[in-house]
N, C-alpha and C. Protein backbone atom coordinates (compact mmCIF):
# COMPACT_ATOMS: atom_id res chain seq x y z
N UNK A 1 202.91 133.74 -76.31
CA UNK A 1 201.81 133.89 -75.82
C UNK A 1 201.04 132.34 -75.51
N UNK A 2 201.69 131.44 -76.02
CA UNK A 2 201.07 130.12 -75.98
C UNK A 2 201.89 129.68 -74.85
N UNK A 3 202.97 130.34 -74.60
CA UNK A 3 204.21 129.58 -73.69
C UNK A 3 203.58 130.19 -72.48
N UNK A 4 202.96 131.36 -72.35
CA UNK A 4 202.42 132.17 -71.24
C UNK A 4 200.94 131.01 -70.84
N UNK A 5 200.33 130.90 -71.61
CA UNK A 5 199.29 130.21 -71.15
C UNK A 5 199.72 128.57 -70.73
N UNK A 6 200.23 128.05 -71.34
CA UNK A 6 201.05 126.66 -70.63
C UNK A 6 201.08 126.61 -69.12
N UNK A 7 202.21 127.81 -69.18
CA UNK A 7 202.63 128.08 -67.73
C UNK A 7 201.38 128.20 -67.07
N UNK A 8 200.52 129.52 -67.16
CA UNK A 8 199.48 129.42 -66.62
C UNK A 8 199.13 128.31 -65.90
N UNK A 9 198.29 127.41 -67.12
CA UNK A 9 197.59 126.27 -66.45
C UNK A 9 198.34 125.39 -65.67
N UNK A 10 199.51 124.93 -65.85
CA UNK A 10 200.50 124.29 -65.20
C UNK A 10 200.68 124.88 -63.66
N UNK A 11 200.55 126.26 -63.97
CA UNK A 11 200.28 126.41 -62.10
C UNK A 11 199.02 126.57 -61.37
N UNK A 12 198.24 126.57 -61.96
CA UNK A 12 196.99 126.47 -61.68
C UNK A 12 196.57 125.38 -61.29
N UNK A 13 197.22 124.04 -62.13
CA UNK A 13 196.80 122.93 -61.87
C UNK A 13 197.78 122.71 -60.65
N UNK A 14 198.92 123.07 -60.58
CA UNK A 14 199.96 122.53 -59.38
C UNK A 14 199.29 123.51 -57.94
N UNK A 15 198.42 124.46 -58.38
CA UNK A 15 197.46 125.45 -56.89
C UNK A 15 196.38 123.85 -56.35
N UNK A 16 195.93 123.53 -57.61
CA UNK A 16 194.55 122.78 -57.02
C UNK A 16 194.88 121.51 -56.50
N UNK A 17 195.98 121.03 -57.15
CA UNK A 17 196.81 119.55 -56.48
C UNK A 17 197.06 119.64 -55.18
N UNK A 18 197.72 120.99 -55.03
CA UNK A 18 197.95 121.38 -53.47
C UNK A 18 196.65 121.30 -52.42
N UNK A 19 195.96 122.38 -52.62
CA UNK A 19 194.82 122.52 -52.09
C UNK A 19 193.91 121.26 -51.46
N UNK A 20 193.84 120.41 -52.53
CA UNK A 20 193.44 119.03 -52.45
C UNK A 20 193.28 118.32 -51.17
N UNK A 21 195.04 117.89 -51.31
CA UNK A 21 195.84 117.32 -50.50
C UNK A 21 195.69 118.14 -48.97
N UNK A 22 195.07 119.26 -48.53
CA UNK A 22 195.21 119.77 -47.45
C UNK A 22 193.88 119.44 -46.84
N UNK A 23 193.04 118.72 -47.14
CA UNK A 23 191.67 118.08 -46.33
C UNK A 23 192.47 117.01 -45.15
N UNK A 24 191.65 116.68 -43.97
CA UNK A 24 192.03 115.98 -43.09
C UNK A 24 191.83 114.83 -43.12
N UNK A 25 192.13 114.31 -44.06
CA UNK A 25 191.49 112.39 -44.04
C UNK A 25 192.31 111.68 -42.84
N UNK A 26 191.29 110.47 -42.48
CA UNK A 26 191.54 109.58 -41.53
C UNK A 26 192.83 108.95 -42.31
N UNK A 27 193.75 108.85 -41.20
CA UNK A 27 195.23 108.01 -41.41
C UNK A 27 195.05 107.08 -40.64
N UNK A 28 195.10 106.64 -39.47
CA UNK A 28 194.70 105.33 -39.10
C UNK A 28 193.82 104.80 -37.42
N UNK A 29 193.92 104.03 -36.85
CA UNK A 29 192.84 104.49 -35.61
C UNK A 29 193.59 103.20 -34.65
N UNK A 30 192.84 103.31 -33.48
CA UNK A 30 193.04 102.26 -32.48
C UNK A 30 191.74 102.34 -31.39
N UNK A 31 191.09 101.53 -31.50
CA UNK A 31 190.93 100.43 -32.29
C UNK A 31 191.28 100.37 -33.58
N UNK A 32 191.83 99.54 -34.61
CA UNK A 32 191.94 99.45 -35.86
C UNK A 32 190.56 99.65 -36.65
N UNK A 33 189.98 100.24 -37.39
CA UNK A 33 189.01 100.13 -38.37
C UNK A 33 188.81 98.69 -38.87
N UNK A 34 187.58 98.32 -38.47
CA UNK A 34 186.98 96.86 -38.63
C UNK A 34 187.67 95.64 -38.16
N UNK A 35 188.49 96.36 -37.09
CA UNK A 35 189.22 95.29 -36.24
C UNK A 35 188.36 94.54 -34.97
N UNK A 36 189.26 93.27 -34.03
CA UNK A 36 188.52 92.82 -33.31
C UNK A 36 189.43 92.66 -32.08
N UNK A 37 189.16 93.28 -30.67
CA UNK A 37 189.91 93.12 -29.98
C UNK A 37 189.51 92.43 -28.76
N UNK A 38 190.43 92.02 -27.90
CA UNK A 38 189.97 90.63 -26.80
C UNK A 38 189.76 91.66 -25.74
N UNK A 39 190.37 92.47 -25.60
CA UNK A 39 190.55 93.40 -24.38
C UNK A 39 189.77 94.90 -24.64
N UNK A 40 188.72 95.06 -23.59
CA UNK A 40 188.09 96.22 -24.40
C UNK A 40 188.74 97.82 -24.17
N UNK A 41 188.80 98.00 -24.96
CA UNK A 41 189.68 99.63 -25.06
C UNK A 41 189.40 100.65 -24.08
N UNK A 42 189.99 101.58 -23.36
CA UNK A 42 189.95 102.34 -22.43
C UNK A 42 189.35 104.18 -23.49
N UNK A 43 189.59 103.89 -24.43
CA UNK A 43 189.80 104.92 -25.18
C UNK A 43 189.46 104.75 -26.42
N UNK A 44 189.22 105.44 -27.55
CA UNK A 44 189.45 105.41 -29.08
C UNK A 44 190.29 106.26 -29.62
N UNK A 45 191.37 105.99 -30.53
CA UNK A 45 191.87 107.51 -30.95
C UNK A 45 192.08 107.32 -32.37
N UNK A 46 192.12 108.45 -32.83
CA UNK A 46 192.17 108.56 -34.51
C UNK A 46 193.14 109.44 -35.30
N UNK A 47 193.68 109.28 -35.55
CA UNK A 47 194.97 110.24 -36.33
C UNK A 47 194.43 110.54 -37.78
N UNK A 48 194.51 111.97 -37.91
CA UNK A 48 194.11 112.06 -39.45
C UNK A 48 195.87 112.90 -40.05
N UNK A 49 195.24 113.23 -41.10
CA UNK A 49 196.86 113.90 -42.13
C UNK A 49 196.70 115.09 -41.84
N UNK A 50 196.04 116.17 -41.40
CA UNK A 50 196.34 117.37 -40.89
C UNK A 50 195.86 117.67 -39.55
N UNK A 51 196.13 118.81 -39.11
CA UNK A 51 196.32 119.64 -37.68
C UNK A 51 194.49 119.95 -37.83
N UNK A 52 193.92 119.64 -36.64
CA UNK A 52 192.48 119.62 -36.80
C UNK A 52 191.93 121.04 -35.73
N UNK A 53 190.67 121.66 -35.94
CA UNK A 53 190.55 122.70 -35.06
C UNK A 53 189.69 122.11 -34.18
N UNK A 54 190.33 122.17 -32.87
CA UNK A 54 189.57 121.70 -31.49
C UNK A 54 187.92 122.24 -31.25
N UNK A 55 187.62 123.16 -31.79
CA UNK A 55 186.38 123.54 -31.45
C UNK A 55 185.51 123.23 -32.28
N UNK A 56 185.88 122.43 -33.72
CA UNK A 56 184.52 121.91 -34.26
C UNK A 56 185.03 120.25 -35.03
N UNK A 57 185.98 119.87 -33.99
CA UNK A 57 186.00 118.57 -34.41
C UNK A 57 185.72 117.38 -33.17
N UNK A 58 184.83 116.58 -33.72
CA UNK A 58 184.15 115.56 -32.85
C UNK A 58 183.98 114.09 -32.94
N UNK A 59 184.08 113.08 -32.04
CA UNK A 59 184.21 112.02 -31.96
C UNK A 59 182.85 111.25 -31.00
N UNK A 60 181.98 110.03 -31.57
CA UNK A 60 181.37 109.73 -30.58
C UNK A 60 181.10 108.41 -30.98
N UNK A 61 180.77 107.15 -29.85
CA UNK A 61 180.80 105.73 -30.26
C UNK A 61 179.84 105.53 -29.54
N UNK A 62 179.05 104.53 -30.44
CA UNK A 62 177.99 104.02 -30.13
C UNK A 62 177.87 102.70 -30.26
N UNK A 63 176.98 101.87 -29.49
CA UNK A 63 177.00 100.16 -29.63
C UNK A 63 176.01 99.87 -30.53
N UNK A 64 175.53 98.37 -30.60
CA UNK A 64 174.70 98.25 -31.52
C UNK A 64 172.85 98.66 -31.49
N UNK A 65 172.93 98.71 -30.48
CA UNK A 65 171.48 99.75 -30.13
C UNK A 65 171.79 100.94 -30.46
N UNK A 66 172.97 101.71 -30.80
CA UNK A 66 172.84 103.22 -31.01
C UNK A 66 172.97 103.86 -29.69
N UNK A 67 173.26 103.54 -28.48
CA UNK A 67 173.49 104.24 -27.66
C UNK A 67 174.59 104.48 -27.59
N UNK A 68 175.06 105.61 -26.69
CA UNK A 68 176.71 106.68 -26.45
C UNK A 68 177.17 105.62 -25.52
N UNK A 69 178.39 105.18 -25.89
CA UNK A 69 179.24 104.59 -24.99
C UNK A 69 180.87 105.28 -24.55
N UNK A 70 180.73 106.67 -25.26
CA UNK A 70 181.62 107.02 -24.76
C UNK A 70 181.48 107.98 -23.66
N UNK A 71 182.63 108.78 -23.14
CA UNK A 71 182.05 109.48 -21.99
C UNK A 71 181.70 111.04 -22.32
N UNK A 72 181.61 111.50 -23.20
CA UNK A 72 181.32 112.54 -24.11
C UNK A 72 182.34 113.58 -23.96
N UNK A 73 183.83 112.89 -23.81
CA UNK A 73 184.98 113.88 -23.58
C UNK A 73 186.01 114.35 -24.91
N UNK A 74 185.33 113.68 -26.34
CA UNK A 74 185.81 113.58 -27.26
C UNK A 74 186.62 114.95 -27.57
N UNK A 75 188.11 114.88 -28.13
CA UNK A 75 188.92 116.11 -28.45
C UNK A 75 190.44 116.02 -28.92
N UNK A 76 190.52 116.76 -29.57
CA UNK A 76 191.51 116.94 -30.02
C UNK A 76 192.90 117.18 -28.80
N UNK A 77 193.88 116.15 -28.98
CA UNK A 77 195.07 116.42 -28.02
C UNK A 77 195.67 117.48 -27.88
N UNK A 78 195.85 117.69 -26.88
CA UNK A 78 196.78 119.49 -27.10
C UNK A 78 198.26 119.17 -27.49
N UNK A 79 198.57 118.22 -27.40
CA UNK A 79 199.89 117.55 -27.91
C UNK A 79 200.30 117.19 -29.24
N UNK A 80 199.52 116.62 -29.70
CA UNK A 80 199.13 116.44 -31.16
C UNK A 80 197.48 116.67 -31.63
N UNK A 81 197.93 117.50 -32.78
CA UNK A 81 196.83 118.60 -33.30
C UNK A 81 195.74 117.54 -34.39
N UNK A 82 196.67 116.20 -34.89
CA UNK A 82 196.19 115.78 -35.31
C UNK A 82 195.48 114.13 -34.71
N UNK A 83 195.21 114.22 -33.73
CA UNK A 83 194.72 113.03 -32.89
C UNK A 83 193.53 113.63 -32.25
N UNK A 84 192.53 112.72 -32.42
CA UNK A 84 191.30 112.80 -31.90
C UNK A 84 190.98 111.72 -31.05
N UNK A 85 190.61 111.81 -30.00
CA UNK A 85 190.04 110.68 -29.01
C UNK A 85 189.08 111.01 -27.84
N UNK A 86 188.48 109.80 -27.12
CA UNK A 86 187.42 109.76 -26.31
C UNK A 86 187.41 108.76 -25.58
N UNK A 87 186.91 108.61 -24.37
CA UNK A 87 187.27 107.59 -23.34
C UNK A 87 186.04 106.91 -23.22
N UNK A 88 186.45 105.64 -22.91
CA UNK A 88 185.00 104.57 -23.48
C UNK A 88 184.39 104.26 -21.50
N UNK A 89 183.19 103.82 -21.79
CA UNK A 89 182.78 103.30 -20.64
C UNK A 89 183.37 101.79 -20.78
N UNK A 90 183.41 101.60 -19.48
CA UNK A 90 183.67 99.82 -19.95
C UNK A 90 182.76 98.99 -20.94
N UNK A 91 183.35 98.45 -21.41
CA UNK A 91 182.42 97.83 -22.84
C UNK A 91 182.57 96.27 -22.67
N UNK A 92 181.64 95.78 -23.27
CA UNK A 92 181.24 94.23 -23.09
C UNK A 92 181.57 93.99 -24.31
N UNK A 93 181.38 92.63 -24.40
CA UNK A 93 181.50 92.14 -26.27
C UNK A 93 180.02 92.33 -27.31
N UNK A 94 180.61 92.83 -28.30
CA UNK A 94 179.90 93.47 -29.45
C UNK A 94 180.75 94.17 -30.37
N UNK A 95 179.81 94.83 -31.41
CA UNK A 95 180.15 95.64 -32.21
C UNK A 95 180.25 97.04 -31.78
N UNK A 96 180.71 97.85 -32.32
CA UNK A 96 180.65 99.60 -31.68
C UNK A 96 181.21 100.23 -33.22
N UNK A 97 180.46 101.31 -33.02
CA UNK A 97 180.68 102.24 -34.01
C UNK A 97 181.29 103.81 -33.90
N UNK A 98 182.21 103.79 -34.51
CA UNK A 98 182.90 105.07 -34.15
C UNK A 98 182.57 106.14 -35.47
N UNK A 99 182.04 107.55 -34.64
CA UNK A 99 181.16 108.17 -35.81
C UNK A 99 181.99 109.71 -35.50
N UNK A 100 182.91 109.88 -36.55
CA UNK A 100 183.94 111.69 -36.65
C UNK A 100 183.40 112.45 -37.02
N UNK A 101 183.64 113.46 -37.02
CA UNK A 101 183.43 114.49 -37.72
C UNK A 101 184.75 115.52 -37.57
N UNK A 102 185.31 116.28 -38.67
CA UNK A 102 186.84 117.62 -37.91
C UNK A 102 186.25 118.00 -38.88
N UNK A 103 187.28 119.47 -38.55
CA UNK A 103 187.39 120.45 -39.30
C UNK A 103 188.61 120.54 -39.28
N UNK A 104 189.56 120.38 -40.65
CA UNK A 104 191.18 120.76 -40.56
C UNK A 104 191.10 122.73 -40.41
N UNK A 105 192.78 122.71 -39.96
CA UNK A 105 192.93 124.00 -39.71
C UNK A 105 192.67 124.76 -41.12
N UNK A 106 192.47 124.68 -41.87
CA UNK A 106 192.36 125.47 -43.39
C UNK A 106 190.95 125.25 -43.60
N UNK A 107 189.97 124.64 -43.12
CA UNK A 107 188.36 125.00 -42.88
C UNK A 107 187.95 123.96 -43.74
N UNK A 108 188.63 122.85 -44.31
CA UNK A 108 187.70 122.01 -45.06
C UNK A 108 187.77 120.77 -44.07
N UNK A 109 186.20 120.25 -44.01
CA UNK A 109 185.09 119.26 -43.16
C UNK A 109 185.49 117.65 -43.85
N UNK A 110 185.68 116.94 -42.92
CA UNK A 110 185.72 115.59 -43.58
C UNK A 110 184.95 115.06 -42.37
N UNK A 111 184.30 113.52 -42.64
CA UNK A 111 183.46 113.14 -41.56
C UNK A 111 183.39 111.68 -42.08
N UNK A 112 183.29 110.43 -41.37
CA UNK A 112 182.86 109.15 -41.37
C UNK A 112 182.91 108.46 -40.07
N UNK A 113 182.78 107.25 -39.85
CA UNK A 113 182.47 106.23 -39.09
C UNK A 113 183.23 104.75 -39.75
N UNK A 114 183.46 104.04 -38.47
CA UNK A 114 184.23 102.71 -38.84
C UNK A 114 183.61 101.92 -37.77
N UNK A 115 183.64 100.58 -37.55
CA UNK A 115 183.33 99.69 -36.05
C UNK A 115 184.29 99.01 -36.05
N UNK A 116 184.44 98.77 -34.63
CA UNK A 116 185.25 97.89 -34.45
C UNK A 116 184.63 96.55 -33.59
N UNK A 117 185.32 95.69 -32.99
CA UNK A 117 184.36 94.57 -32.51
C UNK A 117 185.13 94.41 -31.04
N UNK A 118 184.63 93.92 -29.81
CA UNK A 118 185.17 93.62 -29.05
C UNK A 118 184.95 92.16 -28.62
N UNK A 119 185.66 91.39 -28.88
CA UNK A 119 185.24 89.76 -28.73
C UNK A 119 185.23 89.16 -27.17
N UNK A 120 184.54 87.81 -27.41
CA UNK A 120 184.38 87.35 -25.95
C UNK A 120 184.83 86.83 -26.00
């Protein structure tokens, strides 16, 4: 009986660990999180650790005054379901905030934000 209980506990721990790894976490970005670029980027691109649900994943970019500076076309890339991107209006020098919220195909929501700077 003790062997059966220990085996069941081990199985439950394994299943819990597998499920925890299924969330779509931010893997990398372009421009880089907290980075400074000399040339204003034409778009922001975010890569995640899991595939995203296109209908429920979004990204928005705002300037220091909170005004939206993306072209409201943020979407999951049709060729890479782990990539989310948005086109930008021509940016001047300053700090910009990227705000994202995604739903992975396993129905887990993650969200966050980061900044990047365009140098003069």
